[in-house]
């Protein structure tokens, strides 16, 4: 076992008097992570009363297709009763005619309020399969008194 004994007259290596900042940085990073995790929990949503939705009147253009779905799930294109296969054919024909005239038709669906969503979904699916990009729903204006 060796021991280094220095006399008082000789100047040896100086003591390291600088602060080791590594533990300080580690603690600060942990605190930053804690704050980042807890701040979203503290922030609350601002309560806002949203305005009532109002219908904007649509202008029916000649190239638009109006499809009505009754409460017993009958589908009508421009007031003519059609089945699912005829629906796709009529939509495809209307799309081809519209593209030929440089006007892509829109489909406006008038669904009865008591019809099942599945019947409306079949019409939307037929429009999607044919390739009609714009489908809208026609509704009655909401009565503010009720």
Protein backbone atom coordinates (compact mmCIF):
# COMPACT_ATOMS: atom_id res chain seq x y z
CA UNK A 1 0.00 0.00 0.00
CA UNK A 2 1.54 3.26 -1.07
CA UNK A 3 0.82 6.66 0.26
CA UNK A 4 1.72 9.97 -1.27
CA UNK A 5 2.63 12.45 1.39
CA UNK A 6 3.44 15.92 0.30
CA UNK A 7 5.17 18.51 2.28
CA UNK A 8 3.54 21.86 2.84
CA UNK A 9 6.08 23.76 0.75
CA UNK A 10 5.40 22.05 -2.54
CA UNK A 11 2.33 23.13 -4.45
CA UNK A 12 0.40 20.09 -5.56
CA UNK A 13 -2.51 19.82 -7.90
CA UNK A 14 -5.24 22.34 -7.14
CA UNK A 15 -8.63 21.31 -5.90
CA UNK A 16 -11.45 21.25 -8.44
CA UNK A 17 -13.75 24.02 -7.22
CA UNK A 18 -16.21 24.06 -10.19
CA UNK A 19 -19.80 22.97 -9.75
CA UNK A 20 -20.84 19.67 -11.32
CA UNK A 21 -24.00 20.61 -13.26
CA UNK A 22 -24.95 17.13 -14.48
CA UNK A 23 -27.23 16.33 -11.50
CA UNK A 24 -28.80 19.80 -11.81
CA UNK A 25 -29.61 19.21 -15.49
CA UNK A 26 -31.07 15.78 -14.68
CA UNK A 27 -33.35 17.25 -12.02
CA UNK A 28 -34.47 20.06 -14.32
CA UNK A 29 -35.33 17.62 -17.13
CA UNK A 30 -37.40 15.51 -14.73
CA UNK A 31 -39.27 18.63 -13.56
CA UNK A 32 -39.87 19.70 -17.17
CA UNK A 33 -41.35 16.29 -18.00
CA UNK A 34 -43.61 16.46 -14.93
CA UNK A 35 -44.90 19.89 -15.96
CA UNK A 36 -45.48 18.80 -19.56
CA UNK A 37 -47.53 15.84 -18.35
CA UNK A 38 -49.62 17.71 -15.78
CA UNK A 39 -50.42 20.95 -17.68
CA UNK A 40 -52.92 19.38 -20.14
CA UNK A 41 -54.82 17.97 -17.15
CA UNK A 42 -55.05 21.38 -15.51
CA UNK A 43 -56.16 23.31 -18.62
CA UNK A 44 -59.95 23.34 -18.95
CA UNK A 45 -62.13 23.91 -21.99
CA UNK A 46 -63.66 27.36 -22.24
CA UNK A 47 -67.46 27.09 -22.09
CA UNK A 48 -69.01 28.56 -25.22
CA UNK A 49 -72.64 28.74 -26.35
CA UNK A 50 -72.59 27.78 -30.00
CA UNK A 51 -75.02 29.45 -32.39
CA UNK A 52 -78.05 27.66 -33.80
CA UNK A 53 -77.54 26.10 -37.21
CA UNK A 54 -79.59 27.65 -39.97
CA UNK A 55 -80.23 26.27 -43.40
CA UNK A 56 -78.69 28.07 -46.30
CA UNK A 57 -81.02 27.83 -49.31
CA UNK A 58 -79.47 25.76 -52.05
CA UNK A 59 -79.88 26.67 -55.66
CA UNK A 60 -80.79 23.62 -57.67
CA UNK A 61 -78.87 23.58 -60.91
CA UNK A 62 -80.02 21.54 -63.90
CA UNK A 63 -77.09 19.15 -63.60
CA UNK A 64 -77.84 18.36 -59.93
CA UNK A 65 -79.56 15.10 -59.06
CA UNK A 66 -82.27 15.09 -56.39
CA UNK A 67 -82.77 11.72 -54.71
CA UNK A 68 -85.69 11.23 -52.31
CA UNK A 69 -85.80 8.37 -49.79
CA UNK A 70 -89.24 7.74 -48.26
CA UNK A 71 -89.97 6.33 -44.81
CA UNK A 72 -90.55 2.86 -46.34
CA UNK A 73 -87.05 3.05 -47.97
CA UNK A 74 -88.23 3.61 -51.54
CA UNK A 75 -85.69 5.59 -53.58
CA UNK A 76 -86.78 8.18 -56.16
CA UNK A 77 -84.55 9.98 -58.64
CA UNK A 78 -86.22 13.13 -59.92
CA UNK A 79 -89.62 11.80 -58.75
CA UNK A 80 -89.22 8.39 -60.47
CA UNK A 81 -89.06 5.21 -58.38
CA UNK A 82 -85.82 3.24 -58.88
CA UNK A 83 -84.20 0.16 -57.35
CA UNK A 84 -80.57 -0.14 -56.17
CA UNK A 85 -79.20 -1.39 -59.52
CA UNK A 86 -81.04 1.25 -61.52
CA UNK A 87 -79.85 3.88 -59.03
CA UNK A 88 -76.20 3.18 -59.83
CA UNK A 89 -76.85 3.15 -63.58
CA UNK A 90 -78.74 6.46 -63.46
CA UNK A 91 -76.04 8.05 -61.32
CA UNK A 92 -73.30 6.82 -63.66
CA UNK A 93 -75.22 8.14 -66.70
CA UNK A 94 -75.73 11.52 -65.03
CA UNK A 95 -72.05 11.70 -64.13
CA UNK A 96 -70.99 10.91 -67.71
CA UNK A 97 -73.41 13.53 -69.10
CA UNK A 98 -72.14 16.08 -66.61
CA UNK A 99 -68.49 15.43 -67.39
CA UNK A 100 -69.25 15.70 -71.11
CA UNK A 101 -70.64 19.21 -70.47
CA UNK A 102 -67.76 20.08 -68.08
CA UNK A 103 -70.15 20.14 -65.10
CA UNK A 104 -69.84 17.52 -62.36
CA UNK A 105 -73.31 16.92 -60.88
CA UNK A 106 -74.07 17.14 -57.18
CA UNK A 107 -76.42 14.72 -55.48
CA UNK A 108 -78.98 16.22 -53.10
CA UNK A 109 -80.61 13.63 -50.85
CA UNK A 110 -84.03 14.31 -49.37
CA UNK A 111 -84.47 11.71 -46.64
CA UNK A 112 -87.63 11.24 -44.61
CA UNK A 113 -87.02 11.89 -40.92
CA UNK A 114 -88.37 8.44 -40.03
CA UNK A 115 -86.27 6.45 -42.53
CA UNK A 116 -83.53 4.15 -41.25
CA UNK A 117 -79.97 5.37 -41.68
CA UNK A 118 -79.14 2.24 -43.66
CA UNK A 119 -81.37 3.34 -46.57
CA UNK A 120 -79.62 6.72 -46.75
CA UNK A 121 -76.27 4.96 -46.40
CA UNK A 122 -77.01 2.80 -49.44
CA UNK A 123 -77.66 5.91 -51.53
CA UNK A 124 -74.44 7.56 -50.31
CA UNK A 125 -72.53 4.33 -51.02
CA UNK A 126 -73.95 4.19 -54.55
CA UNK A 127 -72.81 7.79 -55.13
CA UNK A 128 -69.38 6.93 -53.79
CA UNK A 129 -69.05 3.80 -55.95
CA UNK A 130 -70.05 5.71 -59.08
CA UNK A 131 -67.56 8.51 -58.30
CA UNK A 132 -69.78 11.50 -57.53
CA UNK A 133 -67.64 13.74 -55.34
CA UNK A 134 -70.30 15.99 -53.82
CA UNK A 135 -73.30 14.69 -51.85
CA UNK A 136 -75.54 16.95 -49.80
CA UNK A 137 -78.66 16.60 -47.68
CA UNK A 138 -81.77 18.74 -48.06
CA UNK A 139 -83.66 19.56 -44.88
CA UNK A 140 -86.52 21.72 -43.73
CA UNK A 141 -85.62 24.95 -41.93
CA UNK A 142 -85.68 24.46 -38.18
CA UNK A 143 -88.65 26.03 -36.44
CA UNK A 144 -87.20 28.22 -33.67
CA UNK A 145 -90.54 28.31 -31.79
CA UNK A 146 -90.51 24.58 -30.96
